[in-house]
Amino acid sequence: MRDRKNALNLFILFLAGMVVGGFIGYYLGQNPLFEWLNYGKVFGLEEPLTLELGIIHLVLGITININIASIFGMVLGGLIYRQM
């Protein structure tokens, strides 16, 4: 159980670091001095998958936007995890 809890904490810290870094990269990237922080790539589905089953209409889609600042945030999340 302890290993699972540690893996969950690591995942949450990586995810939080990626989200916070993404926000920082987006907003600081509008400044010409820091626009390199917003350089990145978008991965995912351009059009969502649709499943029509009569009474249930299911639409699935995911997009991940990774930039330099979100990578820094993930590294920071890993460092925080090591200190725990």
PDB file of N, CA and C in Angstrom:
ATOM      1  N   MET A   1       0.817  -1.191   0.000  1.00  0.00           N
ATOM      2  CA  MET A   1       0.000   0.000   0.000  1.00  0.00           C
ATOM      3  C   MET A   1       0.868   1.266   0.000  1.00  0.00           C
ATOM      4  N   ARG A   2       1.991   1.208   0.698  1.00  0.00           N
ATOM      5  CA  ARG A   2       2.865   2.379   0.781  1.00  0.00           C
ATOM      6  C   ARG A   2       3.428   2.741  -0.590  1.00  0.00           C
ATOM      7  N   ASP A   3       3.802   1.743  -1.402  1.00  0.00           N
ATOM      8  CA  ASP A   3       4.325   2.029  -2.738  1.00  0.00           C
ATOM      9  C   ASP A   3       3.265   2.678  -3.619  1.00  0.00           C
ATOM     10  N   ARG A   4       2.031   2.230  -3.490  1.00  0.00           N
ATOM     11  CA  ARG A   4       0.962   2.807  -4.289  1.00  0.00           C
ATOM     12  C   ARG A   4       0.714   4.257  -3.892  1.00  0.00           C
ATOM     13  N   LYS A   5       0.759   4.526  -2.590  1.00  0.00           N
ATOM     14  CA  LYS A   5       0.564   5.886  -2.122  1.00  0.00           C
ATOM     15  C   LYS A   5       1.701   6.784  -2.610  1.00  0.00           C
ATOM     16  N   ASN A   6       2.913   6.294  -2.596  1.00  0.00           N
ATOM     17  CA  ASN A   6       4.039   7.072  -3.083  1.00  0.00           C
ATOM     18  C   ASN A   6       3.933   7.333  -4.583  1.00  0.00           C
ATOM     19  N   ALA A   7       3.498   6.349  -5.333  1.00  0.00           N
ATOM     20  CA  ALA A   7       3.329   6.529  -6.773  1.00  0.00           C
ATOM     21  C   ALA A   7       2.224   7.537  -7.053  1.00  0.00           C
ATOM     22  N   LEU A   8       1.167   7.506  -6.257  1.00  0.00           N
ATOM     23  CA  LEU A   8       0.074   8.466  -6.427  1.00  0.00           C
ATOM     24  C   LEU A   8       0.557   9.877  -6.090  1.00  0.00           C
ATOM     25  N   ASN A   9       1.330  10.022  -5.013  1.00  0.00           N
ATOM     26  CA  ASN A   9       1.885  11.343  -4.676  1.00  0.00           C
ATOM     27  C   ASN A   9       2.788  11.858  -5.781  1.00  0.00           C
ATOM     28  N   LEU A  10       3.618  10.998  -6.336  1.00  0.00           N
ATOM     29  CA  LEU A  10       4.507  11.404  -7.419  1.00  0.00           C
ATOM     30  C   LEU A  10       3.703  11.845  -8.640  1.00  0.00           C
ATOM     31  N   PHE A  11       2.678  11.104  -8.996  1.00  0.00           N
ATOM     32  CA  PHE A  11       1.835  11.458 -10.135  1.00  0.00           C
ATOM     33  C   PHE A  11       1.152  12.803  -9.916  1.00  0.00           C
ATOM     34  N   ILE A  12       0.628  13.024  -8.709  1.00  0.00           N
ATOM     35  CA  ILE A  12      -0.056  14.279  -8.403  1.00  0.00           C
ATOM     36  C   ILE A  12       0.918  15.454  -8.469  1.00  0.00           C
ATOM     37  N   LEU A  13       2.144  15.271  -7.942  1.00  0.00           N
ATOM     38  CA  LEU A  13       3.133  16.340  -7.995  1.00  0.00           C
ATOM     39  C   LEU A  13       3.577  16.625  -9.424  1.00  0.00           C
ATOM     40  N   PHE A  14       3.759  15.588 -10.237  1.00  0.00           N
ATOM     41  CA  PHE A  14       4.090  15.799 -11.649  1.00  0.00           C
ATOM     42  C   PHE A  14       2.968  16.551 -12.356  1.00  0.00           C
ATOM     43  N   LEU A  15       1.742  16.126 -12.125  1.00  0.00           N
ATOM     44  CA  LEU A  15       0.598  16.765 -12.774  1.00  0.00           C
ATOM     45  C   LEU A  15       0.452  18.218 -12.333  1.00  0.00           C
ATOM     46  N   ALA A  16       0.588  18.469 -11.034  1.00  0.00           N
ATOM     47  CA  ALA A  16       0.489  19.842 -10.536  1.00  0.00           C
ATOM     48  C   ALA A  16       1.619  20.705 -11.093  1.00  0.00           C
ATOM     49  N   GLY A  17       2.824  20.164 -11.154  1.00  0.00           N
ATOM     50  CA  GLY A  17       3.945  20.902 -11.719  1.00  0.00           C
ATOM     51  C   GLY A  17       3.737  21.214 -13.184  1.00  0.00           C
ATOM     52  N   MET A  18       3.163  20.270 -13.927  1.00  0.00           N
ATOM     53  CA  MET A  18       2.913  20.486 -15.344  1.00  0.00           C
ATOM     54  C   MET A  18       1.846  21.562 -15.547  1.00  0.00           C
ATOM     55  N   VAL A  19       0.800  21.556 -14.739  1.00  0.00           N
ATOM     56  CA  VAL A  19      -0.268  22.543 -14.872  1.00  0.00           C
ATOM     57  C   VAL A  19       0.228  23.936 -14.499  1.00  0.00           C
ATOM     58  N   VAL A  20       0.903  24.044 -13.348  1.00  0.00           N
ATOM     59  CA  VAL A  20       1.403  25.357 -12.916  1.00  0.00           C
ATOM     60  C   VAL A  20       2.455  25.875 -13.899  1.00  0.00           C
ATOM     61  N   GLY A  21       3.348  25.009 -14.340  1.00  0.00           N
ATOM     62  CA  GLY A  21       4.345  25.413 -15.328  1.00  0.00           C
ATOM     63  C   GLY A  21       3.716  25.830 -16.642  1.00  0.00           C
ATOM     64  N   GLY A  22       2.655  25.157 -17.042  1.00  0.00           N
ATOM     65  CA  GLY A  22       1.951  25.529 -18.266  1.00  0.00           C
ATOM     66  C   GLY A  22       1.345  26.917 -18.172  1.00  0.00           C
ATOM     67  N   PHE A  23       0.723  27.238 -17.018  1.00  0.00           N
ATOM     68  CA  PHE A  23       0.181  28.580 -16.818  1.00  0.00           C
ATOM     69  C   PHE A  23       1.289  29.626 -16.845  1.00  0.00           C
ATOM     70  N   ILE A  24       2.376  29.340 -16.139  1.00  0.00           N
ATOM     71  CA  ILE A  24       3.492  30.290 -16.104  1.00  0.00           C
ATOM     72  C   ILE A  24       4.062  30.490 -17.505  1.00  0.00           C
ATOM     73  N   GLY A  25       4.245  29.403 -18.238  1.00  0.00           N
ATOM     74  CA  GLY A  25       4.768  29.507 -19.592  1.00  0.00           C
ATOM     75  C   GLY A  25       3.847  30.267 -20.519  1.00  0.00           C
ATOM     76  N   TYR A  26       2.554  30.074 -20.364  1.00  0.00           N
ATOM     77  CA  TYR A  26       1.597  30.771 -21.225  1.00  0.00           C
ATOM     78  C   TYR A  26       1.617  32.273 -20.958  1.00  0.00           C
ATOM     79  N   TYR A  27       1.541  32.654 -19.677  1.00  0.00           N
ATOM     80  CA  TYR A  27       1.449  34.071 -19.351  1.00  0.00           C
ATOM     81  C   TYR A  27       2.785  34.796 -19.477  1.00  0.00           C
ATOM     82  N   LEU A  28       3.887  34.170 -19.076  1.00  0.00           N
ATOM     83  CA  LEU A  28       5.181  34.805 -19.269  1.00  0.00           C
ATOM     84  C   LEU A  28       5.617  34.764 -20.729  1.00  0.00           C
ATOM     85  N   GLY A  29       5.115  33.801 -21.475  1.00  0.00           N
ATOM     86  CA  GLY A  29       5.459  33.676 -22.886  1.00  0.00           C
ATOM     87  C   GLY A  29       4.945  34.812 -23.741  1.00  0.00           C
ATOM     88  N   GLN A  30       4.027  35.618 -23.227  1.00  0.00           N
ATOM     89  CA  GLN A  30       3.537  36.774 -23.965  1.00  0.00           C
ATOM     90  C   GLN A  30       4.532  37.928 -23.921  1.00  0.00           C
ATOM     91  N   ASN A  31       5.469  37.867 -22.977  1.00  0.00           N
ATOM     92  CA  ASN A  31       6.537  38.853 -22.887  1.00  0.00           C
ATOM     93  C   ASN A  31       7.672  38.409 -23.817  1.00  0.00           C
ATOM     94  N   PRO A  32       8.186  39.287 -24.682  1.00  0.00           N
ATOM     95  CA  PRO A  32       9.236  38.864 -25.632  1.00  0.00           C
ATOM     96  C   PRO A  32      10.492  38.300 -24.961  1.00  0.00           C
ATOM     97  N   LEU A  33      10.789  38.738 -23.736  1.00  0.00           N
ATOM     98  CA  LEU A  33      11.971  38.253 -23.036  1.00  0.00           C
ATOM     99  C   LEU A  33      11.828  36.791 -22.613  1.00  0.00           C
ATOM    100  N   PHE A  34      10.593  36.362 -22.313  1.00  0.00           N
ATOM    101  CA  PHE A  34      10.345  35.008 -21.818  1.00  0.00           C
ATOM    102  C   PHE A  34       9.549  34.135 -22.784  1.00  0.00           C
ATOM    103  N   GLU A  35       9.471  34.515 -24.047  1.00  0.00           N
ATOM    104  CA  GLU A  35       8.639  33.734 -24.967  1.00  0.00           C
ATOM    105  C   GLU A  35       9.174  32.325 -25.201  1.00  0.00           C
ATOM    106  N   TRP A  36      10.434  32.069 -24.879  1.00  0.00           N
ATOM    107  CA  TRP A  36      10.995  30.722 -25.015  1.00  0.00           C
ATOM    108  C   TRP A  36      10.352  29.748 -24.030  1.00  0.00           C
ATOM    109  N   LEU A  37       9.774  30.239 -22.928  1.00  0.00           N
ATOM    110  CA  LEU A  37       9.108  29.357 -21.967  1.00  0.00           C
ATOM    111  C   LEU A  37       7.835  28.741 -22.540  1.00  0.00           C
ATOM    112  N   ASN A  38       7.229  29.407 -23.511  1.00  0.00           N
ATOM    113  CA  ASN A  38       5.974  28.925 -24.096  1.00  0.00           C
ATOM    114  C   ASN A  38       6.197  28.041 -25.318  1.00  0.00           C
ATOM    115  N   TYR A  39       7.442  27.790 -25.677  1.00  0.00           N
ATOM    116  CA  TYR A  39       7.723  26.915 -26.823  1.00  0.00           C
ATOM    117  C   TYR A  39       7.374  25.486 -26.447  1.00  0.00           C
ATOM    118  N   GLY A  40       6.604  24.819 -27.276  1.00  0.00           N
ATOM    119  CA  GLY A  40       6.212  23.456 -26.952  1.00  0.00           C
ATOM    120  C   GLY A  40       5.478  22.779 -28.082  1.00  0.00           C
ATOM    121  N   LYS A  41       4.819  21.690 -27.742  1.00  0.00           N
ATOM    122  CA  LYS A  41       4.130  20.840 -28.705  1.00  0.00           C
ATOM    123  C   LYS A  41       2.793  20.405 -28.125  1.00  0.00           C
ATOM    124  N   VAL A  42       1.810  20.231 -28.993  1.00  0.00           N
ATOM    125  CA  VAL A  42       0.484  19.749 -28.600  1.00  0.00           C
ATOM    126  C   VAL A  42       0.323  18.322 -29.104  1.00  0.00           C
ATOM    127  N   PHE A  43      -0.055  17.414 -28.208  1.00  0.00           N
ATOM    128  CA  PHE A  43      -0.305  16.018 -28.555  1.00  0.00           C
ATOM    129  C   PHE A  43      -1.768  15.708 -28.278  1.00  0.00           C
ATOM    130  N   GLY A  44      -2.351  14.855 -29.083  1.00  0.00           N
ATOM    131  CA  GLY A  44      -3.717  14.441 -28.809  1.00  0.00           C
ATOM    132  C   GLY A  44      -4.517  14.207 -30.072  1.00  0.00           C
ATOM    133  N   LEU A  45      -5.822  14.148 -29.884  1.00  0.00           N
ATOM    134  CA  LEU A  45      -6.761  13.920 -30.978  1.00  0.00           C
ATOM    135  C   LEU A  45      -7.265  15.252 -31.512  1.00  0.00           C
ATOM    136  N   GLU A  46      -7.160  15.449 -32.820  1.00  0.00           N
ATOM    137  CA  GLU A  46      -7.691  16.681 -33.415  1.00  0.00           C
ATOM    138  C   GLU A  46      -9.216  16.691 -33.362  1.00  0.00           C
ATOM    139  N   GLU A  47      -9.817  15.574 -33.682  1.00  0.00           N
ATOM    140  CA  GLU A  47     -11.266  15.447 -33.604  1.00  0.00           C
ATOM    141  C   GLU A  47     -11.588  14.359 -32.588  1.00  0.00           C
ATOM    142  N   PRO A  48     -12.518  14.597 -31.696  1.00  0.00           N
ATOM    143  CA  PRO A  48     -12.829  13.591 -30.674  1.00  0.00           C
ATOM    144  C   PRO A  48     -13.480  12.340 -31.272  1.00  0.00           C
ATOM    145  N   LEU A  49     -13.287  11.226 -30.601  1.00  0.00           N
ATOM    146  CA  LEU A  49     -13.935   9.976 -30.992  1.00  0.00           C
ATOM    147  C   LEU A  49     -15.374   9.993 -30.503  1.00  0.00           C
ATOM    148  N   THR A  50     -16.292   9.602 -31.349  1.00  0.00           N
ATOM    149  CA  THR A  50     -17.713   9.617 -31.012  1.00  0.00           C
ATOM    150  C   THR A  50     -18.270   8.207 -31.104  1.00  0.00           C
ATOM    151  N   LEU A  51     -18.993   7.803 -30.060  1.00  0.00           N
ATOM    152  CA  LEU A  51     -19.639   6.496 -30.025  1.00  0.00           C
ATOM    153  C   LEU A  51     -21.130   6.709 -29.792  1.00  0.00           C
ATOM    154  N   GLU A  52     -21.931   6.309 -30.761  1.00  0.00           N
ATOM    155  CA  GLU A  52     -23.387   6.464 -30.678  1.00  0.00           C
ATOM    156  C   GLU A  52     -24.001   5.101 -30.430  1.00  0.00           C
ATOM    157  N   LEU A  53     -24.657   4.926 -29.278  1.00  0.00           N
ATOM    158  CA  LEU A  53     -25.267   3.643 -28.911  1.00  0.00           C
ATOM    159  C   LEU A  53     -26.785   3.745 -28.765  1.00  0.00           C
ATOM    160  N   GLY A  54     -27.383   4.654 -29.446  1.00  0.00           N
ATOM    161  CA  GLY A  54     -28.841   4.795 -29.367  1.00  0.00           C
ATOM    162  C   GLY A  54     -29.227   5.775 -28.275  1.00  0.00           C
ATOM    163  N   ILE A  55     -29.261   5.302 -27.038  1.00  0.00           N
ATOM    164  CA  ILE A  55     -29.649   6.187 -25.938  1.00  0.00           C
ATOM    165  C   ILE A  55     -28.443   6.849 -25.269  1.00  0.00           C
ATOM    166  N   ILE A  56     -27.251   6.368 -25.585  1.00  0.00           N
ATOM    167  CA  ILE A  56     -26.030   6.942 -25.013  1.00  0.00           C
ATOM    168  C   ILE A  56     -25.170   7.480 -26.150  1.00  0.00           C
ATOM    169  N   HIS A  57     -24.784   8.715 -26.005  1.00  0.00           N
ATOM    170  CA  HIS A  57     -23.890   9.362 -26.972  1.00  0.00           C
ATOM    171  C   HIS A  57     -22.607   9.689 -26.217  1.00  0.00           C
ATOM    172  N   LEU A  58     -21.501   9.018 -26.564  1.00  0.00           N
ATOM    173  CA  LEU A  58     -20.243   9.151 -25.839  1.00  0.00           C
ATOM    174  C   LEU A  58     -19.210   9.813 -26.740  1.00  0.00           C
ATOM    175  N   VAL A  59     -18.592  10.881 -26.243  1.00  0.00           N
ATOM    176  CA  VAL A  59     -17.563  11.606 -26.984  1.00  0.00           C
ATOM    177  C   VAL A  59     -16.289  11.578 -26.159  1.00  0.00           C
ATOM    178  N   LEU A  60     -15.201  11.056 -26.746  1.00  0.00           N
ATOM    179  CA  LEU A  60     -13.924  10.950 -26.050  1.00  0.00           C
ATOM    180  C   LEU A  60     -12.862  11.754 -26.785  1.00  0.00           C
ATOM    181  N   GLY A  61     -12.086  12.508 -26.031  1.00  0.00           N
ATOM    182  CA  GLY A  61     -10.997  13.274 -26.628  1.00  0.00           C
ATOM    183  C   GLY A  61     -10.016  13.712 -25.563  1.00  0.00           C
ATOM    184  N   ILE A  62      -8.762  13.828 -25.930  1.00  0.00           N
ATOM    185  CA  ILE A  62      -7.736  14.289 -25.012  1.00  0.00           C
ATOM    186  C   ILE A  62      -6.673  15.049 -25.801  1.00  0.00           C
ATOM    187  N   THR A  63      -6.193  16.133 -25.201  1.00  0.00           N
ATOM    188  CA  THR A  63      -5.125  16.934 -25.784  1.00  0.00           C
ATOM    189  C   THR A  63      -4.170  17.323 -24.672  1.00  0.00           C
ATOM    190  N   ILE A  64      -2.889  17.172 -24.909  1.00  0.00           N
ATOM    191  CA  ILE A  64      -1.862  17.541 -23.939  1.00  0.00           C
ATOM    192  C   ILE A  64      -0.963  18.584 -24.580  1.00  0.00           C
ATOM    193  N   ASN A  65      -0.823  19.718 -23.900  1.00  0.00           N
ATOM    194  CA  ASN A  65       0.027  20.803 -24.376  1.00  0.00           C
ATOM    195  C   ASN A  65       1.240  20.880 -23.458  1.00  0.00           C
ATOM    196  N   ILE A  66       2.400  20.501 -23.960  1.00  0.00           N
ATOM    197  CA  ILE A  66       3.626  20.504 -23.165  1.00  0.00           C
ATOM    198  C   ILE A  66       4.523  21.627 -23.675  1.00  0.00           C
ATOM    199  N   ASN A  67       4.974  22.486 -22.746  1.00  0.00           N
ATOM    200  CA  ASN A  67       5.916  23.535 -23.102  1.00  0.00           C
ATOM    201  C   ASN A  67       7.121  23.468 -22.158  1.00  0.00           C
ATOM    202  N   ILE A  68       8.091  24.328 -22.380  1.00  0.00           N
ATOM    203  CA  ILE A  68       9.326  24.308 -21.594  1.00  0.00           C
ATOM    204  C   ILE A  68       9.027  24.546 -20.117  1.00  0.00           C
ATOM    205  N   ALA A  69       8.159  25.491 -19.804  1.00  0.00           N
ATOM    206  CA  ALA A  69       7.837  25.799 -18.418  1.00  0.00           C
ATOM    207  C   ALA A  69       7.147  24.620 -17.735  1.00  0.00           C
ATOM    208  N   SER A  70       6.317  23.868 -18.445  1.00  0.00           N
ATOM    209  CA  SER A  70       5.665  22.709 -17.827  1.00  0.00           C
ATOM    210  C   SER A  70       6.674  21.604 -17.546  1.00  0.00           C
ATOM    211  N   ILE A  71       7.704  21.483 -18.371  1.00  0.00           N
ATOM    212  CA  ILE A  71       8.767  20.507 -18.095  1.00  0.00           C
ATOM    213  C   ILE A  71       9.530  20.922 -16.846  1.00  0.00           C
ATOM    214  N   PHE A  72       9.832  22.236 -16.715  1.00  0.00           N
ATOM    215  CA  PHE A  72      10.468  22.725 -15.487  1.00  0.00           C
ATOM    216  C   PHE A  72       9.587  22.449 -14.272  1.00  0.00           C
ATOM    217  N   GLY A  73       8.287  22.624 -14.415  1.00  0.00           N
ATOM    218  CA  GLY A  73       7.354  22.343 -13.321  1.00  0.00           C
ATOM    219  C   GLY A  73       7.344  20.878 -12.932  1.00  0.00           C
ATOM    220  N   MET A  74       7.431  19.984 -13.912  1.00  0.00           N
ATOM    221  CA  MET A  74       7.477  18.551 -13.608  1.00  0.00           C
ATOM    222  C   MET A  74       8.770  18.196 -12.881  1.00  0.00           C
ATOM    223  N   VAL A  75       9.884  18.789 -13.298  1.00  0.00           N
ATOM    224  CA  VAL A  75      11.158  18.545 -12.621  1.00  0.00           C
ATOM    225  C   VAL A  75      11.081  19.052 -11.178  1.00  0.00           C
ATOM    226  N   LEU A  76      10.490  20.231 -10.984  1.00  0.00           N
ATOM    227  CA  LEU A  76      10.325  20.772  -9.642  1.00  0.00           C
ATOM    228  C   LEU A  76       9.425  19.871  -8.800  1.00  0.00           C
ATOM    229  N   GLY A  77       8.370  19.333  -9.388  1.00  0.00           N
ATOM    230  CA  GLY A  77       7.505  18.383  -8.675  1.00  0.00           C
ATOM    231  C   GLY A  77       8.263  17.137  -8.262  1.00  0.00           C
ATOM    232  N   GLY A  78       9.153  16.634  -9.123  1.00  0.00           N
ATOM    233  CA  GLY A  78       9.978  15.480  -8.772  1.00  0.00           C
ATOM    234  C   GLY A  78      10.945  15.793  -7.649  1.00  0.00           C
ATOM    235  N   LEU A  79      11.508  16.994  -7.659  1.00  0.00           N
ATOM    236  CA  LEU A  79      12.412  17.389  -6.571  1.00  0.00           C
ATOM    237  C   LEU A  79      11.658  17.534  -5.243  1.00  0.00           C
ATOM    238  N   ILE A  80      10.457  18.067  -5.292  1.00  0.00           N
ATOM    239  CA  ILE A  80       9.643  18.164  -4.082  1.00  0.00           C
ATOM    240  C   ILE A  80       9.299  16.779  -3.562  1.00  0.00           C
ATOM    241  N   TYR A  81       9.010  15.836  -4.459  1.00  0.00           N
ATOM    242  CA  TYR A  81       8.701  14.465  -4.061  1.00  0.00           C
ATOM    243  C   TYR A  81       9.895  13.823  -3.352  1.00  0.00           C
ATOM    244  N   ARG A  82      11.091  14.075  -3.849  1.00  0.00           N
ATOM    245  CA  ARG A  82      12.282  13.498  -3.223  1.00  0.00           C
ATOM    246  C   ARG A  82      12.511  14.044  -1.837  1.00  0.00           C
ATOM    247  N   GLN A  83      12.069  15.283  -1.568  1.00  0.00           N
ATOM    248  CA  GLN A  83      12.236  15.886  -0.258  1.00  0.00           C
ATOM    249  C   GLN A  83      11.199  15.399   0.746  1.00  0.00           C
ATOM    250  N   MET A  84      10.133  14.784   0.277  1.00  0.00           N
ATOM    251  CA  MET A  84       9.071  14.307   1.170  1.00  0.00           C
ATOM    252  C   MET A  84       9.513  13.079   1.940  1.00  0.00           C
TER     253      MET A  84
END
